[in-house]
Amino acid sequence: MKRQRVVLVGWGAIGQTVGRMLADAAVDIIAVGVRDHSIARSNIPPTATVISDPNELADLRPDVVAEASGRDSVGPWGRAALNAGADIIVSSMSAFADADLLASLRRTATANNAQIHIQPGALAGIDALAGAKRMGIDRVEHQMVKPPKAWQGTPAVELCDLDALVEPVAFFTANAAETAAAFPKNANVAMTTALAGIGPDRTQITLVADPTASTNRHEISASGAFGSLDVTIANNPLPDNPKTSAMAALNLVRAIENRVTTIHI
């Protein structure tokens, strides 16, 4: 398989984990995209240059740009990557709560014969949900259960008393687009479920604060002509960042590795 020229956008816990895990893969990390070029960063791959302007992508000629930097990065880095003829792998799915942005990137991808890859992030069962859509899905429900501390610093603090909970509380229910817009970091994967299945307006998301929880748990339930689907995944955090699920990094690694392996899983 052809070696892939990869640009990682974001050098936080996910980006650094991906960089380490791809060290022995048939990829060349040619650049790391960051918001502020002047801040010193450690553990940058020796093959990589640090860039902060998405317009620099064109001269680098990447095969794929892997985003793990936050929803504000998806638009500028996505447009630049696709205009350069590179595929983009998106992690910050809450950006696609903006339907106009998603439509714009789709048009750009089509015009440049490139692809937008949505990796599963912290979820499981997304491949089955996407497959089921071909026969028909009537209902998709996605419940996110996290410890109260995981909801601190979000609108959850106005919806329930996180410090006083003694039992699980479902404090927010809405469709995927509304949930991703209101909780862009904590409910980022709401849009992943939505785009895999029946869309942002019909996918119901419920957010739960559970004082007995020690992991971030996702429970996805769907039914339709295909049958029924019930998937639960309980994510341990990344050692480098307790607010980030390990699977968010692991699935991004897999998405990149699939480009260079002879068996694609």
C-alpha atoms as a PDB file:
ATOM      1  CA  MET A   1       0.000   0.000   0.000  1.00  0.00           C
ATOM      2  CA  LYS A   2       1.119   3.552  -0.692  1.00  0.00           C
ATOM      3  CA  ARG A   3       2.517   5.381   2.329  1.00  0.00           C
ATOM      4  CA  GLN A   4       0.185   8.135   3.404  1.00  0.00           C
ATOM      5  CA  ARG A   5       1.162  11.745   3.984  1.00  0.00           C
ATOM      6  CA  VAL A   6      -0.822  12.718   7.074  1.00  0.00           C
ATOM      7  CA  VAL A   7      -1.487  16.076   8.711  1.00  0.00           C
ATOM      8  CA  LEU A   8      -2.840  15.958  12.259  1.00  0.00           C
ATOM      9  CA  VAL A   9      -4.892  19.004  13.252  1.00  0.00           C
ATOM     10  CA  GLY A  10      -4.711  19.318  17.021  1.00  0.00           C
ATOM     11  CA  TRP A  11      -1.919  18.279  19.355  1.00  0.00           C
ATOM     12  CA  GLY A  12      -3.846  17.684  22.561  1.00  0.00           C
ATOM     13  CA  ALA A  13      -4.401  14.334  24.236  1.00  0.00           C
ATOM     14  CA  ILE A  14      -6.003  12.772  21.155  1.00  0.00           C
ATOM     15  CA  GLY A  15      -3.451  14.100  18.669  1.00  0.00           C
ATOM     16  CA  GLN A  16      -0.484  13.026  20.761  1.00  0.00           C
ATOM     17  CA  THR A  17      -1.963   9.574  21.328  1.00  0.00           C
ATOM     18  CA  VAL A  18      -2.528   9.183  17.587  1.00  0.00           C
ATOM     19  CA  GLY A  19       1.008  10.345  16.868  1.00  0.00           C
ATOM     20  CA  ARG A  20       2.502   7.773  19.237  1.00  0.00           C
ATOM     21  CA  MET A  21       0.356   4.911  17.992  1.00  0.00           C
ATOM     22  CA  LEU A  22       1.120   5.624  14.338  1.00  0.00           C
ATOM     23  CA  ALA A  23       4.876   5.700  14.887  1.00  0.00           C
ATOM     24  CA  ASP A  24       5.318   2.252  13.321  1.00  0.00           C
ATOM     25  CA  ALA A  25       2.554   2.511  10.714  1.00  0.00           C
ATOM     26  CA  ALA A  26       3.086   3.102   6.995  1.00  0.00           C
ATOM     27  CA  VAL A  27       2.312   6.800   7.342  1.00  0.00           C
ATOM     28  CA  ASP A  28       4.382   9.954   7.400  1.00  0.00           C
ATOM     29  CA  ILE A  29       3.070  12.638   9.743  1.00  0.00           C
ATOM     30  CA  ILE A  30       4.239  15.614   7.725  1.00  0.00           C
ATOM     31  CA  ALA A  31       2.651  18.378   9.785  1.00  0.00           C
ATOM     32  CA  VAL A  32       0.755  19.164  12.956  1.00  0.00           C
ATOM     33  CA  GLY A  33      -1.833  21.930  12.734  1.00  0.00           C
ATOM     34  CA  VAL A  34      -2.278  24.112  15.822  1.00  0.00           C
ATOM     35  CA  ARG A  35      -4.099  27.321  16.698  1.00  0.00           C
ATOM     36  CA  ASP A  36      -1.027  29.241  17.881  1.00  0.00           C
ATOM     37  CA  HIS A  37       2.295  28.526  16.197  1.00  0.00           C
ATOM     38  CA  SER A  38       4.245  30.484  18.842  1.00  0.00           C
ATOM     39  CA  ILE A  39       3.463  28.096  21.722  1.00  0.00           C
ATOM     40  CA  ALA A  40       6.166  25.471  22.227  1.00  0.00           C
ATOM     41  CA  ARG A  41       4.930  21.887  21.967  1.00  0.00           C
ATOM     42  CA  SER A  42       6.619  18.659  22.971  1.00  0.00           C
ATOM     43  CA  ASN A  43       6.767  15.258  21.288  1.00  0.00           C
ATOM     44  CA  ILE A  44       6.123  16.585  17.784  1.00  0.00           C
ATOM     45  CA  PRO A  45       7.109  13.807  15.321  1.00  0.00           C
ATOM     46  CA  PRO A  46      10.540  14.479  13.789  1.00  0.00           C
ATOM     47  CA  THR A  47       9.011  14.249  10.304  1.00  0.00           C
ATOM     48  CA  ALA A  48       6.462  16.973  11.044  1.00  0.00           C
ATOM     49  CA  THR A  49       6.431  20.721  10.765  1.00  0.00           C
ATOM     50  CA  VAL A  50       4.106  22.819  12.918  1.00  0.00           C
ATOM     51  CA  ILE A  51       1.613  24.976  11.034  1.00  0.00           C
ATOM     52  CA  SER A  52      -1.213  27.254  12.116  1.00  0.00           C
ATOM     53  CA  ASP A  53      -2.616  28.444   8.771  1.00  0.00           C
ATOM     54  CA  PRO A  54      -4.864  25.984   6.892  1.00  0.00           C
ATOM     55  CA  ASN A  55      -3.727  27.575   3.627  1.00  0.00           C
ATOM     56  CA  GLU A  56      -0.327  25.938   4.169  1.00  0.00           C
ATOM     57  CA  LEU A  57      -1.849  22.546   3.405  1.00  0.00           C
ATOM     58  CA  ALA A  58      -1.740  23.008  -0.363  1.00  0.00           C
ATOM     59  CA  ASP A  59       2.068  23.153  -0.483  1.00  0.00           C
ATOM     60  CA  LEU A  60       2.392  20.140   1.823  1.00  0.00           C
ATOM     61  CA  ARG A  61       0.411  17.855  -0.520  1.00  0.00           C
ATOM     62  CA  PRO A  62      -1.169  15.648   2.177  1.00  0.00           C
ATOM     63  CA  ASP A  63      -3.147  12.530   1.358  1.00  0.00           C
ATOM     64  CA  VAL A  64      -5.311  12.943   4.444  1.00  0.00           C
ATOM     65  CA  VAL A  65      -5.912  15.540   7.138  1.00  0.00           C
ATOM     66  CA  ALA A  66      -7.070  14.137  10.499  1.00  0.00           C
ATOM     67  CA  GLU A  67      -8.896  16.657  12.684  1.00  0.00           C
ATOM     68  CA  ALA A  68      -8.924  16.384  16.490  1.00  0.00           C
ATOM     69  CA  SER A  69      -8.918  20.031  17.475  1.00  0.00           C
ATOM     70  CA  GLY A  70     -12.501  21.114  18.170  1.00  0.00           C
ATOM     71  CA  ARG A  71     -15.557  22.193  16.210  1.00  0.00           C
ATOM     72  CA  ASP A  72     -14.150  25.600  15.212  1.00  0.00           C
ATOM     73  CA  SER A  73     -11.353  23.865  13.310  1.00  0.00           C
ATOM     74  CA  VAL A  74     -13.559  21.718  11.100  1.00  0.00           C
ATOM     75  CA  GLY A  75     -14.630  24.490   8.696  1.00  0.00           C
ATOM     76  CA  PRO A  76     -11.304  26.178   7.878  1.00  0.00           C
ATOM     77  CA  TRP A  77      -9.153  23.051   7.956  1.00  0.00           C
ATOM     78  CA  GLY A  78     -11.794  20.999   6.168  1.00  0.00           C
ATOM     79  CA  ARG A  79     -12.145  23.482   3.313  1.00  0.00           C
ATOM     80  CA  ALA A  80      -8.387  23.815   2.933  1.00  0.00           C
ATOM     81  CA  ALA A  81      -7.832  20.060   2.974  1.00  0.00           C
ATOM     82  CA  LEU A  82     -10.546  19.311   0.435  1.00  0.00           C
ATOM     83  CA  ASN A  83      -9.473  22.170  -1.850  1.00  0.00           C
ATOM     84  CA  ALA A  84      -5.984  20.646  -1.781  1.00  0.00           C
ATOM     85  CA  GLY A  85      -7.444  17.336  -2.940  1.00  0.00           C
ATOM     86  CA  ALA A  86      -6.888  15.646   0.411  1.00  0.00           C
ATOM     87  CA  ASP A  87      -9.424  13.636   2.336  1.00  0.00           C
ATOM     88  CA  ILE A  88     -10.370  14.822   5.806  1.00  0.00           C
ATOM     89  CA  ILE A  89     -11.203  12.665   8.816  1.00  0.00           C
ATOM     90  CA  VAL A  90     -13.482  14.537  11.205  1.00  0.00           C
ATOM     91  CA  SER A  91     -13.538  13.944  14.961  1.00  0.00           C
ATOM     92  CA  SER A  92     -15.319  17.104  16.163  1.00  0.00           C
ATOM     93  CA  MET A  93     -18.708  16.121  14.831  1.00  0.00           C
ATOM     94  CA  SER A  94     -20.614  18.836  16.698  1.00  0.00           C
ATOM     95  CA  ALA A  95     -19.466  21.181  13.910  1.00  0.00           C
ATOM     96  CA  PHE A  96     -21.981  19.477  11.643  1.00  0.00           C
ATOM     97  CA  ALA A  97     -24.876  20.713  13.752  1.00  0.00           C
ATOM     98  CA  ASP A  98     -24.377  23.592  11.303  1.00  0.00           C
ATOM     99  CA  ALA A  99     -26.137  22.108   8.277  1.00  0.00           C
ATOM    100  CA  ASP A 100     -24.783  24.847   5.993  1.00  0.00           C
ATOM    101  CA  LEU A 101     -21.197  23.955   6.889  1.00  0.00           C
ATOM    102  CA  LEU A 102     -21.800  20.275   6.170  1.00  0.00           C
ATOM    103  CA  ALA A 103     -23.416  21.080   2.824  1.00  0.00           C
ATOM    104  CA  SER A 104     -20.565  23.407   1.894  1.00  0.00           C
ATOM    105  CA  LEU A 105     -17.895  20.818   2.699  1.00  0.00           C
ATOM    106  CA  ARG A 106     -19.795  18.191   0.725  1.00  0.00           C
ATOM    107  CA  ARG A 107     -19.787  20.436  -2.339  1.00  0.00           C
ATOM    108  CA  THR A 108     -16.076  21.136  -1.925  1.00  0.00           C
ATOM    109  CA  ALA A 109     -15.296  17.436  -1.562  1.00  0.00           C
ATOM    110  CA  THR A 110     -17.250  16.593  -4.710  1.00  0.00           C
ATOM    111  CA  ALA A 111     -15.553  19.346  -6.698  1.00  0.00           C
ATOM    112  CA  ASN A 112     -12.093  18.106  -5.715  1.00  0.00           C
ATOM    113  CA  ASN A 113     -12.689  14.341  -5.879  1.00  0.00           C
ATOM    114  CA  ALA A 114     -12.000  14.041  -2.155  1.00  0.00           C
ATOM    115  CA  GLN A 115     -13.821  12.465   0.757  1.00  0.00           C
ATOM    116  CA  ILE A 116     -15.054  13.451   4.214  1.00  0.00           C
ATOM    117  CA  HIS A 117     -14.548  10.545   6.610  1.00  0.00           C
ATOM    118  CA  ILE A 118     -16.536  10.449   9.835  1.00  0.00           C
ATOM    119  CA  GLN A 119     -14.765   8.276  12.363  1.00  0.00           C
ATOM    120  CA  PRO A 120     -16.856   6.669  15.163  1.00  0.00           C
ATOM    121  CA  GLY A 121     -15.021   8.486  17.951  1.00  0.00           C
ATOM    122  CA  ALA A 122     -16.166   7.253  21.358  1.00  0.00           C
ATOM    123  CA  LEU A 123     -18.995   5.150  19.895  1.00  0.00           C
ATOM    124  CA  ALA A 124     -19.562   1.544  18.869  1.00  0.00           C
ATOM    125  CA  GLY A 125     -22.064   0.137  16.399  1.00  0.00           C
ATOM    126  CA  ILE A 126     -21.940   3.066  13.986  1.00  0.00           C
ATOM    127  CA  ASP A 127     -21.093   0.764  11.073  1.00  0.00           C
ATOM    128  CA  ALA A 128     -24.204  -1.338  11.756  1.00  0.00           C
ATOM    129  CA  LEU A 129     -26.392   1.749  12.086  1.00  0.00           C
ATOM    130  CA  ALA A 130     -25.145   3.092   8.764  1.00  0.00           C
ATOM    131  CA  GLY A 131     -25.746  -0.276   7.129  1.00  0.00           C
ATOM    132  CA  ALA A 132     -29.270  -0.515   8.550  1.00  0.00           C
ATOM    133  CA  LYS A 133     -30.164   2.793   6.945  1.00  0.00           C
ATOM    134  CA  ARG A 134     -30.145   1.135   3.525  1.00  0.00           C
ATOM    135  CA  MET A 135     -33.197  -0.959   4.487  1.00  0.00           C
ATOM    136  CA  GLY A 136     -34.886   1.595   6.699  1.00  0.00           C
ATOM    137  CA  ILE A 137     -34.723   2.866  10.277  1.00  0.00           C
ATOM    138  CA  ASP A 138     -37.784   4.107  12.125  1.00  0.00           C
ATOM    139  CA  ARG A 139     -36.238   5.169  15.445  1.00  0.00           C
ATOM    140  CA  VAL A 140     -32.823   6.020  16.884  1.00  0.00           C
ATOM    141  CA  GLU A 141     -32.257   6.917  20.528  1.00  0.00           C
ATOM    142  CA  HIS A 142     -28.856   7.708  22.027  1.00  0.00           C
ATOM    143  CA  GLN A 143     -28.366   8.072  25.774  1.00  0.00           C
ATOM    144  CA  MET A 144     -25.120   9.499  27.133  1.00  0.00           C
ATOM    145  CA  VAL A 145     -24.396   8.686  30.775  1.00  0.00           C
ATOM    146  CA  LYS A 146     -21.471  10.415  32.490  1.00  0.00           C
ATOM    147  CA  PRO A 147     -20.360  11.229  36.055  1.00  0.00           C
ATOM    148  CA  PRO A 148     -21.538  14.643  37.268  1.00  0.00           C
ATOM    149  CA  LYS A 149     -17.998  16.050  37.113  1.00  0.00           C
ATOM    150  CA  ALA A 150     -17.925  15.354  33.375  1.00  0.00           C
ATOM    151  CA  TRP A 151     -20.848  17.776  32.929  1.00  0.00           C
ATOM    152  CA  GLN A 152     -19.263  20.595  34.932  1.00  0.00           C
ATOM    153  CA  GLY A 153     -18.625  23.719  32.861  1.00  0.00           C
ATOM    154  CA  THR A 154     -21.554  22.968  30.545  1.00  0.00           C
ATOM    155  CA  PRO A 155     -25.203  24.118  30.490  1.00  0.00           C
ATOM    156  CA  ALA A 156     -25.911  21.111  32.724  1.00  0.00           C
ATOM    157  CA  VAL A 157     -25.018  23.239  35.754  1.00  0.00           C
ATOM    158  CA  GLU A 158     -28.130  25.337  35.079  1.00  0.00           C
ATOM    159  CA  LEU A 159     -30.381  22.312  34.590  1.00  0.00           C
ATOM    160  CA  CYS A 160     -29.618  20.291  37.732  1.00  0.00           C
ATOM    161  CA  ASP A 161     -27.548  20.452  40.907  1.00  0.00           C
ATOM    162  CA  LEU A 162     -24.617  18.306  39.833  1.00  0.00           C
ATOM    163  CA  ASP A 163     -22.960  18.396  43.259  1.00  0.00           C
ATOM    164  CA  ALA A 164     -26.049  17.163  45.097  1.00  0.00           C
ATOM    165  CA  LEU A 165     -27.054  14.184  42.943  1.00  0.00           C
ATOM    166  CA  VAL A 166     -27.611  10.872  44.706  1.00  0.00           C
ATOM    167  CA  GLU A 167     -29.122   9.028  41.724  1.00  0.00           C
ATOM    168  CA  PRO A 168     -28.982   9.292  37.914  1.00  0.00           C
ATOM    169  CA  VAL A 169     -30.784  12.311  36.465  1.00  0.00           C
ATOM    170  CA  ALA A 170     -31.722  12.789  32.805  1.00  0.00           C
ATOM    171  CA  PHE A 171     -31.332  16.548  32.580  1.00  0.00           C
ATOM    172  CA  PHE A 172     -31.593  17.176  28.838  1.00  0.00           C
ATOM    173  CA  THR A 173     -33.476  15.580  25.942  1.00  0.00           C
ATOM    174  CA  ALA A 174     -33.526  16.957  22.413  1.00  0.00           C
ATOM    175  CA  ASN A 175     -32.695  16.011  18.855  1.00  0.00           C
ATOM    176  CA  ALA A 176     -29.089  15.531  17.794  1.00  0.00           C
ATOM    177  CA  ALA A 177     -28.652  18.943  16.166  1.00  0.00           C
ATOM    178  CA  GLU A 178     -29.932  20.780  19.233  1.00  0.00           C
ATOM    179  CA  THR A 179     -27.860  18.633  21.589  1.00  0.00           C
ATOM    180  CA  ALA A 180     -24.607  19.039  19.664  1.00  0.00           C
ATOM    181  CA  ALA A 181     -25.145  22.790  19.469  1.00  0.00           C
ATOM    182  CA  ALA A 182     -25.824  23.097  23.212  1.00  0.00           C
ATOM    183  CA  PHE A 183     -23.108  20.664  24.357  1.00  0.00           C
ATOM    184  CA  PRO A 184     -20.450  20.800  21.606  1.00  0.00           C
ATOM    185  CA  LYS A 185     -17.696  19.135  23.630  1.00  0.00           C
ATOM    186  CA  ASN A 186     -19.575  16.744  25.892  1.00  0.00           C
ATOM    187  CA  ALA A 187     -22.162  15.555  23.368  1.00  0.00           C
ATOM    188  CA  ASN A 188     -20.015  15.822  20.257  1.00  0.00           C
ATOM    189  CA  VAL A 189     -20.899  12.323  19.040  1.00  0.00           C
ATOM    190  CA  ALA A 190     -24.624  13.084  18.867  1.00  0.00           C
ATOM    191  CA  MET A 191     -24.049  14.119  15.258  1.00  0.00           C
ATOM    192  CA  THR A 192     -22.123  10.929  14.513  1.00  0.00           C
ATOM    193  CA  THR A 193     -25.149   8.855  15.468  1.00  0.00           C
ATOM    194  CA  ALA A 194     -27.425  11.206  13.537  1.00  0.00           C
ATOM    195  CA  LEU A 195     -25.518  11.149  10.261  1.00  0.00           C
ATOM    196  CA  ALA A 196     -25.047   7.385  10.417  1.00  0.00           C
ATOM    197  CA  GLY A 197     -28.770   6.860  10.891  1.00  0.00           C
ATOM    198  CA  ILE A 198     -31.911   8.946  10.372  1.00  0.00           C
ATOM    199  CA  GLY A 199     -30.527  12.473  10.552  1.00  0.00           C
ATOM    200  CA  PRO A 200     -30.100  15.246  13.125  1.00  0.00           C
ATOM    201  CA  ASP A 201     -33.772  16.186  13.425  1.00  0.00           C
ATOM    202  CA  ARG A 202     -35.110  12.675  14.074  1.00  0.00           C
ATOM    203  CA  THR A 203     -32.372  11.275  16.306  1.00  0.00           C
ATOM    204  CA  GLN A 204     -33.278  11.645  19.985  1.00  0.00           C
ATOM    205  CA  ILE A 205     -30.475  12.293  22.478  1.00  0.00           C
ATOM    206  CA  THR A 206     -30.767  12.070  26.263  1.00  0.00           C
ATOM    207  CA  LEU A 207     -28.016  13.337  28.567  1.00  0.00           C
ATOM    208  CA  VAL A 208     -27.692  11.767  32.011  1.00  0.00           C
ATOM    209  CA  ALA A 209     -25.597  12.697  35.038  1.00  0.00           C
ATOM    210  CA  ASP A 210     -24.998   9.586  37.153  1.00  0.00           C
ATOM    211  CA  PRO A 211     -23.157   9.901  40.490  1.00  0.00           C
ATOM    212  CA  THR A 212     -22.462   6.139  40.464  1.00  0.00           C
ATOM    213  CA  ALA A 213     -20.839   6.168  37.016  1.00  0.00           C
ATOM    214  CA  SER A 214     -17.083   5.783  36.662  1.00  0.00           C
ATOM    215  CA  THR A 215     -16.997   5.779  32.846  1.00  0.00           C
ATOM    216  CA  ASN A 216     -18.573   7.683  29.984  1.00  0.00           C
ATOM    217  CA  ARG A 217     -21.294   5.354  28.697  1.00  0.00           C
ATOM    218  CA  HIS A 218     -23.137   5.523  25.389  1.00  0.00           C
ATOM    219  CA  GLU A 219     -26.305   3.507  24.822  1.00  0.00           C
ATOM    220  CA  ILE A 220     -27.645   3.463  21.268  1.00  0.00           C
ATOM    221  CA  SER A 221     -30.972   1.853  20.401  1.00  0.00           C
ATOM    222  CA  ALA A 222     -32.532   1.668  16.949  1.00  0.00           C
ATOM    223  CA  SER A 223     -35.270  -0.266  15.175  1.00  0.00           C
ATOM    224  CA  GLY A 224     -36.728  -0.518  11.692  1.00  0.00           C
ATOM    225  CA  ALA A 225     -37.159  -2.819   8.729  1.00  0.00           C
ATOM    226  CA  PHE A 226     -33.647  -4.197   9.304  1.00  0.00           C
ATOM    227  CA  GLY A 227     -34.532  -5.435  12.817  1.00  0.00           C
ATOM    228  CA  SER A 228     -33.326  -3.870  16.059  1.00  0.00           C
ATOM    229  CA  LEU A 229     -30.003  -2.645  17.403  1.00  0.00           C
ATOM    230  CA  ASP A 230     -28.888  -2.109  20.986  1.00  0.00           C
ATOM    231  CA  VAL A 231     -25.261  -1.142  21.609  1.00  0.00           C
ATOM    232  CA  THR A 232     -23.589   0.011  24.807  1.00  0.00           C
ATOM    233  CA  ILE A 233     -19.990   1.126  25.233  1.00  0.00           C
ATOM    234  CA  ALA A 234     -18.391   2.294  28.486  1.00  0.00           C
ATOM    235  CA  ASN A 235     -15.289   4.356  27.786  1.00  0.00           C
ATOM    236  CA  ASN A 236     -12.271   4.693  30.019  1.00  0.00           C
ATOM    237  CA  PRO A 237     -10.549   8.078  29.728  1.00  0.00           C
ATOM    238  CA  LEU A 238      -7.222   8.739  28.087  1.00  0.00           C
ATOM    239  CA  PRO A 239      -4.450   8.803  30.699  1.00  0.00           C
ATOM    240  CA  ASP A 240      -3.365  12.234  29.416  1.00  0.00           C
ATOM    241  CA  ASN A 241      -6.843  13.770  29.685  1.00  0.00           C
ATOM    242  CA  PRO A 242      -9.578  12.374  31.947  1.00  0.00           C
ATOM    243  CA  LYS A 243     -12.249  14.291  29.992  1.00  0.00           C
ATOM    244  CA  THR A 244     -11.436  12.484  26.740  1.00  0.00           C
ATOM    245  CA  SER A 245     -12.536   8.918  26.009  1.00  0.00           C
ATOM    246  CA  ALA A 246      -9.768   6.566  24.938  1.00  0.00           C
ATOM    247  CA  MET A 247     -11.895   5.277  22.051  1.00  0.00           C
ATOM    248  CA  ALA A 248     -11.973   8.757  20.514  1.00  0.00           C
ATOM    249  CA  ALA A 249      -8.251   8.415  19.856  1.00  0.00           C
ATOM    250  CA  LEU A 250      -8.277   4.684  19.104  1.00  0.00           C
ATOM    251  CA  ASN A 251     -10.928   4.996  16.406  1.00  0.00           C
ATOM    252  CA  LEU A 252      -9.031   7.870  14.789  1.00  0.00           C
ATOM    253  CA  VAL A 253      -5.906   5.699  14.706  1.00  0.00           C
ATOM    254  CA  ARG A 254      -7.921   2.929  13.072  1.00  0.00           C
ATOM    255  CA  ALA A 255      -9.355   5.307  10.470  1.00  0.00           C
ATOM    256  CA  ILE A 256      -5.842   6.312   9.428  1.00  0.00           C
ATOM    257  CA  GLU A 257      -4.419   2.785   9.571  1.00  0.00           C
ATOM    258  CA  ASN A 258      -7.224   1.524   7.328  1.00  0.00           C
ATOM    259  CA  ARG A 259      -5.733   3.637   4.549  1.00  0.00           C
ATOM    260  CA  VAL A 260      -2.476   1.655   4.566  1.00  0.00           C
ATOM    261  CA  THR A 261      -3.414  -1.894   5.566  1.00  0.00           C
ATOM    262  CA  THR A 262      -4.243  -4.707   3.168  1.00  0.00           C
ATOM    263  CA  ILE A 263      -7.165  -5.778   5.350  1.00  0.00           C
ATOM    264  CA  HIS A 264      -9.590  -2.923   6.002  1.00  0.00           C
ATOM    265  CA  ILE A 265     -11.721  -3.394   9.136  1.00  0.00           C
END
